N, C-alpha and C. Protein backbone atom coordinates (compact mmCIF):
# COMPACT_ATOMS: atom_id res chain seq x y z
N MET A 1 0.83 -1.48 0.38
CA MET A 1 -0.11 0.02 0.21
C MET A 1 0.87 1.18 -0.79
N ILE A 2 0.62 2.05 -0.73
CA ILE A 2 1.13 3.68 -0.98
C ILE A 2 0.56 4.27 0.00
N ARG A 3 1.76 4.57 1.37
CA ARG A 3 0.73 6.41 1.85
C ARG A 3 2.14 6.85 2.34
N PRO A 4 1.82 7.51 1.16
CA PRO A 4 3.08 9.39 1.09
C PRO A 4 2.66 9.97 2.67
N ARG A 5 3.80 10.45 2.91
CA ARG A 5 4.64 11.21 4.01
C ARG A 5 4.35 12.67 3.83
N GLY A 6 4.21 13.34 2.68
CA GLY A 6 4.21 14.58 2.80
C GLY A 6 3.60 14.89 1.22
N TRP A 7 4.07 16.36 1.38
CA TRP A 7 3.28 16.71 -0.32
C TRP A 7 4.16 16.86 -1.62
N LEU A 8 5.61 16.12 -1.67
CA LEU A 8 6.13 15.87 -2.33
C LEU A 8 5.88 14.31 -2.60
N ASP A 9 5.94 13.25 -1.89
CA ASP A 9 5.35 12.10 -2.24
C ASP A 9 3.87 12.82 -2.88
N TYR A 10 2.89 13.14 -2.48
CA TYR A 10 1.76 13.38 -3.27
C TYR A 10 2.05 13.95 -4.65
N LEU A 11 3.40 15.13 -4.86
CA LEU A 11 3.71 14.97 -5.74
C LEU A 11 4.05 14.03 -7.20
N GLN A 12 5.17 12.96 -6.91
CA GLN A 12 5.46 11.73 -7.33
C GLN A 12 4.78 10.94 -7.40
N LEU A 13 3.90 10.72 -6.57
CA LEU A 13 2.62 9.66 -7.21
C LEU A 13 1.74 10.32 -7.70
N SER A 14 0.85 12.01 -8.41
CA SER A 14 0.87 12.11 -9.61
C SER A 14 1.41 11.63 -10.28
N TRP A 15 2.30 12.01 -10.70
CA TRP A 15 3.96 12.15 -11.91
C TRP A 15 3.75 10.58 -12.31
N TRP A 16 3.87 9.85 -11.54
CA TRP A 16 3.55 8.68 -11.54
C TRP A 16 2.22 8.18 -12.28
N LEU A 17 1.50 8.12 -11.23
CA LEU A 17 0.39 8.57 -12.33
C LEU A 17 -0.14 8.51 -13.69
N MET A 18 0.78 9.70 -13.44
CA MET A 18 -0.13 10.45 -15.39
C MET A 18 0.77 10.01 -16.32
N ARG A 19 2.45 8.94 -16.41
CA ARG A 19 3.02 8.72 -16.81
C ARG A 19 2.53 7.70 -17.14
N ARG A 20 1.61 6.72 -15.84
CA ARG A 20 1.17 5.50 -16.99
C ARG A 20 -0.44 5.04 -16.64
N GLN A 21 -0.54 6.27 -17.10
CA GLN A 21 -2.68 6.39 -17.25
C GLN A 21 -2.56 7.15 -17.68
N GLY A 22 -2.24 8.04 -18.48
CA GLY A 22 -2.22 9.76 -18.62
C GLY A 22 -3.32 9.40 -19.97
N ARG A 23 -3.29 8.31 -21.01
CA ARG A 23 -3.67 7.53 -21.96
C ARG A 23 -4.87 8.26 -21.61
N SER A 24 -5.65 7.35 -20.67
CA SER A 24 -6.73 6.93 -20.01
C SER A 24 -7.17 8.43 -19.26
N LEU A 25 -6.71 8.19 -18.88
CA LEU A 25 -7.36 9.43 -18.27
C LEU A 25 -7.79 10.95 -18.85
N LEU A 26 -6.71 11.56 -20.11
CA LEU A 26 -7.41 12.47 -20.56
C LEU A 26 -8.27 12.15 -21.68
N LEU A 27 -8.48 10.55 -22.56
CA LEU A 27 -9.67 10.49 -23.47
C LEU A 27 -11.12 10.17 -21.97
N ALA A 28 -10.97 9.93 -21.10
CA ALA A 28 -11.65 9.76 -19.83
C ALA A 28 -11.76 11.43 -19.56
N THR A 29 -11.29 12.38 -19.15
CA THR A 29 -12.18 13.76 -19.80
C THR A 29 -11.95 14.16 -20.29
N LEU A 30 -12.26 13.55 -21.57
CA LEU A 30 -12.54 14.57 -22.76
C LEU A 30 -13.81 14.09 -23.27
N LEU A 31 -13.66 13.17 -22.95
CA LEU A 31 -15.49 12.39 -22.64
C LEU A 31 -16.78 12.97 -22.03
N CYS A 32 -16.26 13.30 -20.95
CA CYS A 32 -16.71 14.06 -19.87
C CYS A 32 -17.15 15.76 -20.40
N ILE A 33 -15.60 16.13 -21.00
CA ILE A 33 -16.18 17.64 -20.85
C ILE A 33 -16.89 17.30 -22.85
N LEU A 34 -16.91 16.62 -23.07
CA LEU A 34 -17.35 16.71 -24.87
C LEU A 34 -18.97 16.99 -24.35
N SER A 35 -18.89 15.54 -23.57
CA SER A 35 -20.36 14.68 -23.38
C SER A 35 -21.26 15.92 -22.17
N LEU A 36 -21.11 17.24 -21.62
CA LEU A 36 -21.71 18.25 -20.94
C LEU A 36 -22.71 19.00 -21.05
N PRO A 37 -22.51 19.20 -22.78
CA PRO A 37 -23.48 19.98 -22.95
C PRO A 37 -24.98 18.72 -23.49
N LEU A 38 -24.46 17.71 -23.19
CA LEU A 38 -25.66 16.65 -24.01
C LEU A 38 -26.90 15.97 -22.60
N ASN A 39 -25.81 16.40 -21.78
CA ASN A 39 -26.67 16.30 -20.06
C ASN A 39 -27.89 17.08 -19.89
N ALA A 40 -28.00 17.46 -19.43
CA ALA A 40 -28.94 18.70 -19.85
C ALA A 40 -30.17 17.84 -20.94
N THR A 41 -29.66 17.62 -22.16
CA THR A 41 -30.95 17.01 -22.97
C THR A 41 -31.15 15.86 -22.93
N VAL A 42 -30.40 15.18 -22.40
CA VAL A 42 -30.76 13.76 -22.33
C VAL A 42 -31.09 13.14 -21.01
N ALA A 43 -31.10 13.91 -20.05
CA ALA A 43 -31.96 13.30 -18.35
C ALA A 43 -33.09 14.16 -18.76
N ARG A 44 -33.61 15.32 -19.60
CA ARG A 44 -34.62 15.74 -19.48
C ARG A 44 -35.14 14.45 -20.25
N THR A 45 -35.47 13.97 -21.69
CA THR A 45 -35.62 12.88 -22.33
C THR A 45 -36.18 12.12 -21.64
N LEU A 46 -34.78 11.62 -20.87
CA LEU A 46 -34.84 9.93 -20.11
C LEU A 46 -35.58 9.71 -18.71
N LEU A 47 -35.24 11.17 -18.64
CA LEU A 47 -35.93 11.02 -16.89
C LEU A 47 -36.71 12.68 -17.02
N PRO A 48 -37.68 12.44 -17.56
CA PRO A 48 -39.24 13.52 -17.49
C PRO A 48 -39.22 13.55 -15.78
N GLU A 49 -39.68 14.64 -15.43
CA GLU A 49 -39.72 14.84 -14.01
C GLU A 49 -40.93 14.92 -13.70
N THR A 50 -41.86 14.67 -13.65
CA THR A 50 -43.05 13.36 -13.75
C THR A 50 -42.88 11.75 -12.47
N LEU A 51 -41.97 10.46 -13.67
CA LEU A 51 -41.01 9.90 -13.34
C LEU A 51 -40.57 9.93 -12.19
N VAL A 52 -39.78 11.35 -11.96
CA VAL A 52 -39.19 11.12 -10.87
C VAL A 52 -39.55 11.77 -9.54
N GLN A 53 -40.32 12.31 -9.62
CA GLN A 53 -41.74 12.09 -8.28
C GLN A 53 -41.90 10.88 -7.89
N VAL A 54 -42.67 10.19 -9.56
CA VAL A 54 -43.17 8.94 -8.69
C VAL A 54 -42.21 8.18 -8.61
N LEU A 55 -40.95 7.70 -8.66
CA LEU A 55 -40.29 6.69 -8.04
C LEU A 55 -39.01 7.33 -6.81
N GLY A 56 -39.90 8.75 -6.77
CA GLY A 56 -39.56 9.16 -4.78
C GLY A 56 -41.02 8.76 -4.40
N LEU A 57 -41.31 8.95 -4.33
CA LEU A 57 -42.56 8.65 -3.54
C LEU A 57 -42.73 6.89 -3.37
N LEU A 58 -42.42 6.17 -4.76
CA LEU A 58 -42.33 4.13 -4.69
C LEU A 58 -41.34 4.66 -3.30
N LEU A 59 -39.91 4.62 -3.65
CA LEU A 59 -39.02 4.81 -2.80
C LEU A 59 -39.28 4.94 -1.39
N SER A 60 -40.29 6.37 -1.00
CA SER A 60 -39.88 6.90 0.53
C SER A 60 -41.03 5.65 0.99
N ILE A 61 -42.52 5.00 0.50
CA ILE A 61 -42.74 4.16 0.86
C ILE A 61 -42.83 2.70 1.27
N PHE A 62 -41.86 2.18 -0.13
CA PHE A 62 -40.69 1.12 0.43
C PHE A 62 -39.87 1.22 1.42
N LEU A 63 -39.25 2.18 1.43
CA LEU A 63 -38.04 2.50 2.49
C LEU A 63 -38.72 2.64 4.26
N GLY A 64 -40.08 3.35 3.98
CA GLY A 64 -40.89 3.37 5.42
C GLY A 64 -40.93 2.29 5.64
N PHE A 65 -41.65 1.35 4.89
CA PHE A 65 -43.00 -0.24 5.06
C PHE A 65 -40.98 -1.14 5.48
N ARG A 66 -40.00 -0.98 4.74
CA ARG A 66 -38.76 -1.61 5.40
C ARG A 66 -38.69 -1.20 6.53
N TYR A 67 -38.11 0.46 7.44
CA TYR A 67 -38.27 0.75 8.39
C TYR A 67 -39.36 -0.25 9.98
N SER A 68 -40.48 0.09 9.11
CA SER A 68 -42.03 -1.00 9.98
C SER A 68 -41.12 -1.79 10.10
N GLN A 69 -40.96 -2.50 9.03
CA GLN A 69 -40.79 -4.26 9.29
C GLN A 69 -39.77 -4.47 10.36
N ALA A 70 -38.31 -3.66 10.11
CA ALA A 70 -37.31 -3.60 11.22
C ALA A 70 -37.20 -3.31 12.67
N TYR A 71 -38.34 -2.16 12.85
CA TYR A 71 -38.40 -2.46 14.19
C TYR A 71 -39.41 -3.21 14.70
N ASN A 72 -40.44 -3.72 13.37
CA ASN A 72 -40.90 -5.09 14.73
C ASN A 72 -40.24 -5.93 14.86
N ARG A 73 -39.54 -6.24 14.19
CA ARG A 73 -38.78 -7.36 14.45
C ARG A 73 -37.38 -7.01 15.48
N TRP A 74 -37.11 -5.73 16.00
CA TRP A 74 -36.49 -5.48 17.24
C TRP A 74 -36.77 -5.56 18.20
N TRP A 75 -38.54 -5.07 18.29
CA TRP A 75 -39.55 -5.56 19.71
C TRP A 75 -40.18 -6.18 19.52
N GLU A 76 -40.32 -7.87 18.70
CA GLU A 76 -40.20 -8.68 18.88
C GLU A 76 -39.17 -10.02 19.56
N ALA A 77 -37.29 -8.76 19.26
CA ALA A 77 -36.85 -10.42 20.09
C ALA A 77 -36.62 -9.40 21.57
N ARG A 78 -36.61 -8.18 21.86
CA ARG A 78 -36.78 -7.33 22.91
C ARG A 78 -37.99 -8.57 24.04
N VAL A 79 -38.89 -8.38 23.23
CA VAL A 79 -39.48 -9.82 23.99
C VAL A 79 -39.54 -10.70 24.59
N LEU A 80 -38.76 -10.92 23.55
CA LEU A 80 -38.46 -12.40 23.52
C LEU A 80 -37.76 -12.73 24.55
N TRP A 81 -36.56 -11.74 25.03
CA TRP A 81 -35.02 -11.37 25.35
C TRP A 81 -35.35 -11.30 26.35
N GLY A 82 -36.48 -10.42 27.01
CA GLY A 82 -36.90 -9.96 28.10
C GLY A 82 -36.37 -10.05 28.99
N PRO A 83 -37.59 -11.41 29.26
CA PRO A 83 -37.27 -12.53 30.50
C PRO A 83 -36.53 -13.14 30.90
N PRO A 84 -35.49 -14.13 30.11
CA PRO A 84 -34.20 -14.43 30.73
C PRO A 84 -33.80 -13.68 30.51
N THR A 85 -32.89 -12.09 30.29
CA THR A 85 -32.33 -11.42 30.67
C THR A 85 -32.63 -10.96 32.31
N TYR A 86 -33.75 -10.72 31.99
CA TYR A 86 -34.04 -9.91 33.62
C TYR A 86 -33.55 -11.41 34.57
N TRP A 87 -34.03 -12.64 34.94
CA TRP A 87 -33.73 -13.24 35.34
C TRP A 87 -32.95 -13.52 35.67
N LEU A 88 -31.77 -13.54 34.02
CA LEU A 88 -30.12 -14.08 34.93
C LEU A 88 -29.63 -12.76 35.44
N SER A 89 -29.79 -11.68 35.18
CA SER A 89 -29.64 -10.60 36.00
C SER A 89 -29.48 -10.51 37.56
N HIS A 90 -30.56 -10.62 37.95
CA HIS A 90 -31.54 -11.54 39.20
C HIS A 90 -31.12 -12.62 40.00
N LEU A 91 -30.29 -13.60 39.11
CA LEU A 91 -29.90 -14.95 39.17
C LEU A 91 -28.58 -14.43 40.48
N PRO A 92 -27.65 -14.06 40.59
CA PRO A 92 -26.71 -13.38 42.14
C PRO A 92 -27.34 -13.30 42.81
N LEU A 93 -28.54 -12.88 43.64
CA LEU A 93 -29.12 -12.54 44.61
C LEU A 93 -30.06 -14.13 45.00
N ARG A 94 -31.09 -15.17 43.75
CA ARG A 94 -31.29 -15.63 44.26
C ARG A 94 -30.28 -16.49 44.77
N VAL A 95 -29.27 -16.99 44.33
CA VAL A 95 -28.29 -17.78 44.21
C VAL A 95 -27.83 -18.15 45.80
N PRO A 96 -27.70 -16.74 46.87
CA PRO A 96 -27.43 -17.82 47.95
C PRO A 96 -28.59 -18.25 49.40
N GLY A 97 -29.54 -17.36 48.89
CA GLY A 97 -30.70 -18.20 49.16
C GLY A 97 -30.78 -19.65 48.74
N CYS A 98 -30.29 -19.62 48.04
CA CYS A 98 -30.59 -21.81 47.25
C CYS A 98 -29.78 -22.31 48.16
N ALA A 99 -28.43 -21.62 47.84
CA ALA A 99 -27.19 -22.60 48.74
C ALA A 99 -27.44 -22.92 49.91
N GLU A 100 -28.59 -22.00 51.21
CA GLU A 100 -28.08 -21.74 52.33
C GLU A 100 -29.94 -23.06 52.97
N GLY A 101 -30.45 -23.11 51.10
CA GLY A 101 -31.63 -24.12 51.82
C GLY A 101 -32.44 -22.90 52.51
N ASP A 102 -32.67 -21.87 52.11
CA ASP A 102 -33.54 -21.01 52.03
C ASP A 102 -34.87 -20.04 51.80
N SER A 103 -36.18 -21.11 51.72
CA SER A 103 -36.65 -20.67 50.21
C SER A 103 -37.63 -19.56 50.37
N ARG A 104 -37.58 -18.90 49.44
CA ARG A 104 -37.59 -17.24 49.40
C ARG A 104 -38.81 -17.37 47.94
């Protein structure tokens, strides 16, 4: 793993990366720059406003249902684990009485 220790190491790493991947980085940068004017047109065509609103509504309903379901599972586990936890936490108070033969 590369661990730069100062700003000079960052410059050396950047220079090495540019030498090794310069063509790929340049091509990706040019494609991004060329696609900027098309972005707004393509976005309006492929994702109209009503579609985005409907997808947002569906996503909120879906996430709300999943949150409710997760909370119900947590509550059920709390109800199931509550009595054993209570009993085990009070076990040290009960053990001395049992050892002496004292019935409480």
